[in-house]
């Protein structure tokens, strides 16, 4: 049990075999009362900056709450999915500058004030940085900018960000690093299996 803001904790009161189906209770330890119940809670194990927690309510919709001077809903429970990229801050917390959301079968990025940062995408957002979005699925990815313009031609088996670079595995199982700033391949190519 981790204390949040010296007052709250997320708890599950269930038998071991019921842990995945039991509600997650947000409990006010100081005042001894249940604040609310959720289906799921995400903080990525290391925490999200600004004491944010991504939570799924009992209606199956996602929102974001913050613990500062109480419990505050920062992004209302209107979304089929909310997630963050694995970018960390200098304090080793997950960066909360942009949230990936799914609503009405469209993916996009928003900030904490719900301002849209990108156009809508019909493909799943795999990950993103401050300029580009990787769309697709496990074996069929492509890179676009925030306006939805294709940045690299074609589809790739795997794309992932590494600082200002892009790690690429193409459809021929060739791995290389790509410099997004200077638009060129940085490394030698390597065959992978």
Protein backbone atom coordinates (compact mmCIF):
# COMPACT_ATOMS: atom_id res chain seq x y z
CA UNK A 1 0.00 0.00 0.00
CA UNK A 2 1.48 3.32 -1.05
CA UNK A 3 0.26 6.45 0.64
CA UNK A 4 -0.70 9.22 -1.77
CA UNK A 5 -0.43 12.83 -0.56
CA UNK A 6 -0.14 11.51 3.03
CA UNK A 7 -3.86 10.80 3.03
CA UNK A 8 -5.07 8.36 0.36
CA UNK A 9 -4.46 4.82 -0.82
CA UNK A 10 -5.88 2.51 -3.48
CA UNK A 11 -7.05 -0.75 -1.88
CA UNK A 12 -8.59 -4.03 -3.00
CA UNK A 13 -10.56 -6.01 -0.44
CA UNK A 14 -11.04 -9.44 -1.98
CA UNK A 15 -9.96 -13.06 -1.94
CA UNK A 16 -6.98 -13.86 -4.17
CA UNK A 17 -9.13 -15.48 -6.85
CA UNK A 18 -11.36 -12.35 -7.01
CA UNK A 19 -8.60 -9.73 -7.29
CA UNK A 20 -9.04 -9.15 -11.03
CA UNK A 21 -12.80 -8.61 -10.78
CA UNK A 22 -13.10 -6.72 -7.50
CA UNK A 23 -13.36 -2.94 -7.41
CA UNK A 24 -10.35 -0.83 -6.51
CA UNK A 25 -11.22 1.42 -3.59
CA UNK A 26 -9.81 4.92 -3.22
CA UNK A 27 -9.67 5.23 0.55
CA UNK A 28 -9.14 8.35 2.66
CA UNK A 29 -6.99 6.99 5.48
CA UNK A 30 -7.01 10.21 7.51
CA UNK A 31 -10.80 10.50 7.60
CA UNK A 32 -11.49 6.75 7.43
CA UNK A 33 -13.84 6.76 4.43
CA UNK A 34 -14.20 5.42 0.92
CA UNK A 35 -13.86 8.20 -1.65
CA UNK A 36 -14.74 6.23 -4.81
CA UNK A 37 -14.34 2.90 -6.59
CA UNK A 38 -12.61 2.10 -9.88
CA UNK A 39 -12.14 -0.85 -12.22
CA UNK A 40 -8.50 -0.08 -13.00
CA UNK A 41 -5.76 2.31 -11.89
CA UNK A 42 -2.57 3.16 -13.82
CA UNK A 43 0.51 5.01 -12.68
CA UNK A 44 3.02 2.85 -14.62
CA UNK A 45 4.68 1.53 -11.48
CA UNK A 46 7.02 4.51 -11.12
CA UNK A 47 4.41 7.26 -10.94
CA UNK A 48 3.19 10.00 -13.26
CA UNK A 49 4.39 13.55 -12.79
CA UNK A 50 2.06 15.99 -10.98
CA UNK A 51 0.53 13.16 -8.89
CA UNK A 52 -1.74 12.10 -11.79
CA UNK A 53 -3.42 8.70 -11.87
CA UNK A 54 -5.22 7.30 -14.89
CA UNK A 55 -8.35 5.51 -13.68
CA UNK A 56 -11.22 3.56 -15.19
CA UNK A 57 -14.60 4.13 -13.56
CA UNK A 58 -17.34 1.54 -12.99
CA UNK A 59 -18.96 2.48 -16.32
CA UNK A 60 -15.77 1.38 -18.14
CA UNK A 61 -14.63 4.90 -19.08
CA UNK A 62 -11.19 6.35 -18.42
CA UNK A 63 -10.27 9.66 -16.80
CA UNK A 64 -7.36 11.27 -14.93
CA UNK A 65 -7.37 12.30 -11.30
CA UNK A 66 -4.83 14.33 -9.36
CA UNK A 67 -4.05 14.43 -5.66
CA UNK A 68 -3.43 18.04 -4.67
CA UNK A 69 -5.63 19.65 -2.05
CA UNK A 70 -7.94 16.66 -2.26
CA UNK A 71 -8.90 14.44 -5.18
CA UNK A 72 -9.49 16.38 -8.39
CA UNK A 73 -10.74 15.09 -11.74
CA UNK A 74 -8.37 16.59 -14.32
CA UNK A 75 -9.67 14.72 -17.39
CA UNK A 76 -13.33 13.66 -17.13
CA UNK A 77 -14.38 10.04 -17.56
CA UNK A 78 -15.29 10.32 -21.25
CA UNK A 79 -12.73 8.07 -22.94
CA UNK A 80 -12.54 4.42 -23.98
CA UNK A 81 -8.79 4.50 -23.27
CA UNK A 82 -6.17 6.87 -21.84
CA UNK A 83 -2.45 6.15 -21.75
CA UNK A 84 0.95 7.77 -21.71
CA UNK A 85 4.15 7.17 -23.63
CA UNK A 86 7.09 5.73 -21.70
CA UNK A 87 8.95 9.05 -21.67
CA UNK A 88 10.32 9.96 -18.26
CA UNK A 89 11.07 13.28 -16.62
CA UNK A 90 14.31 14.24 -14.89
CA UNK A 91 12.67 13.00 -11.67
CA UNK A 92 12.18 9.52 -13.26
CA UNK A 93 8.39 9.89 -13.42
CA UNK A 94 6.27 9.31 -16.52
CA UNK A 95 5.96 12.54 -18.52
CA UNK A 96 2.38 13.82 -18.60
CA UNK A 97 2.67 16.46 -21.33
CA UNK A 98 0.46 14.48 -23.73
CA UNK A 99 -2.13 11.75 -23.14
CA UNK A 100 -3.11 9.22 -25.82
CA UNK A 101 -6.89 8.85 -25.88
CA UNK A 102 -9.43 6.69 -27.67
CA UNK A 103 -12.93 8.08 -28.19
CA UNK A 104 -15.54 7.11 -30.80
CA UNK A 105 -13.01 4.77 -32.49
CA UNK A 106 -10.56 7.66 -33.01
CA UNK A 107 -7.15 8.03 -31.40
CA UNK A 108 -5.50 11.37 -30.66
CA UNK A 109 -3.23 13.16 -28.21
CA UNK A 110 -4.51 15.74 -25.74
CA UNK A 111 -2.93 17.73 -22.93
CA UNK A 112 -4.18 17.77 -19.33
CA UNK A 113 -6.59 20.62 -20.21
CA UNK A 114 -8.11 18.41 -22.97
CA UNK A 115 -6.65 20.57 -25.75
CA UNK A 116 -6.15 18.42 -28.84
CA UNK A 117 -2.50 18.18 -29.86
CA UNK A 118 -2.98 15.98 -32.93
CA UNK A 119 -5.49 15.21 -35.60
CA UNK A 120 -7.66 12.10 -35.15
CA UNK A 121 -6.18 8.76 -36.15
CA UNK A 122 -8.15 5.62 -36.96
CA UNK A 123 -5.12 3.44 -36.20
CA UNK A 124 -3.99 2.77 -32.67
CA UNK A 125 -1.34 5.05 -31.19
CA UNK A 126 1.56 2.77 -30.25
CA UNK A 127 3.78 5.51 -28.81
CA UNK A 128 4.73 9.14 -29.44
CA UNK A 129 7.15 11.91 -28.67
CA UNK A 130 6.81 15.70 -28.86
CA UNK A 131 6.66 15.75 -32.72
CA UNK A 132 5.81 12.30 -34.05
CA UNK A 133 3.35 9.47 -33.49
CA UNK A 134 3.89 5.79 -34.20
CA UNK A 135 0.65 4.21 -35.38
CA UNK A 136 -0.32 0.62 -36.07
CA UNK A 137 0.01 -2.69 -34.29
CA UNK A 138 2.73 -5.15 -33.29
CA UNK A 139 3.95 -5.98 -36.82
CA UNK A 140 2.67 -3.15 -38.98
CA UNK A 141 3.77 0.34 -37.89
CA UNK A 142 4.28 3.69 -39.52
CA UNK A 143 5.39 7.15 -38.44
CA UNK A 144 3.35 10.34 -38.81
CA UNK A 145 3.64 13.90 -37.54
CA UNK A 146 0.98 15.47 -35.30
CA UNK A 147 -1.03 16.56 -38.36
CA UNK A 148 -1.15 12.99 -39.66
CA UNK A 149 1.35 13.39 -42.50
CA UNK A 150 3.42 10.27 -43.19
CA UNK A 151 7.00 10.92 -42.19
CA UNK A 152 8.68 7.74 -43.40
CA UNK A 153 7.35 5.94 -46.44
CA UNK A 154 6.11 2.42 -45.91
CA UNK A 155 5.26 0.11 -43.07
CA UNK A 156 7.72 -1.38 -40.59
CA UNK A 157 7.78 -4.41 -38.32
CA UNK A 158 8.84 -2.28 -35.38
CA UNK A 159 9.38 1.40 -34.65
CA UNK A 160 10.35 2.90 -31.31
CA UNK A 161 11.79 6.17 -30.10
CA UNK A 162 15.21 6.42 -28.49
CA UNK A 163 15.88 10.02 -27.46
CA UNK A 164 15.85 12.02 -30.74
CA UNK A 165 16.36 8.86 -32.78
CA UNK A 166 14.07 6.18 -34.14
CA UNK A 167 14.87 2.48 -33.84
CA UNK A 168 13.62 0.70 -36.96
CA UNK A 169 13.16 -2.94 -37.91
CA UNK A 170 11.97 -3.08 -41.49
CA UNK A 171 9.95 -5.83 -43.20
CA UNK A 172 13.18 -7.59 -44.21
CA UNK A 173 14.21 -7.91 -40.53
CA UNK A 174 16.91 -5.25 -40.88
CA UNK A 175 17.57 -3.07 -37.81
CA UNK A 176 19.04 0.44 -37.86
CA UNK A 177 18.90 3.79 -36.08
CA UNK A 178 17.38 6.78 -37.87
CA UNK A 179 18.15 10.41 -36.99
CA UNK A 180 14.80 12.24 -36.99
CA UNK A 181 16.45 15.66 -36.81
CA UNK A 182 18.73 15.25 -39.82
CA UNK A 183 16.60 12.70 -41.73
CA UNK A 184 19.28 10.08 -42.20
CA UNK A 185 20.28 6.59 -41.15
CA UNK A 186 22.81 6.77 -38.31
CA UNK A 187 23.98 3.25 -37.79
CA UNK A 188 25.07 0.25 -39.73
CA UNK A 189 22.26 -2.11 -40.61
CA UNK A 190 21.96 -5.41 -38.74
CA UNK A 191 19.95 -8.48 -39.60
CA UNK A 192 17.68 -9.58 -36.75
CA UNK A 193 15.62 -12.70 -36.19
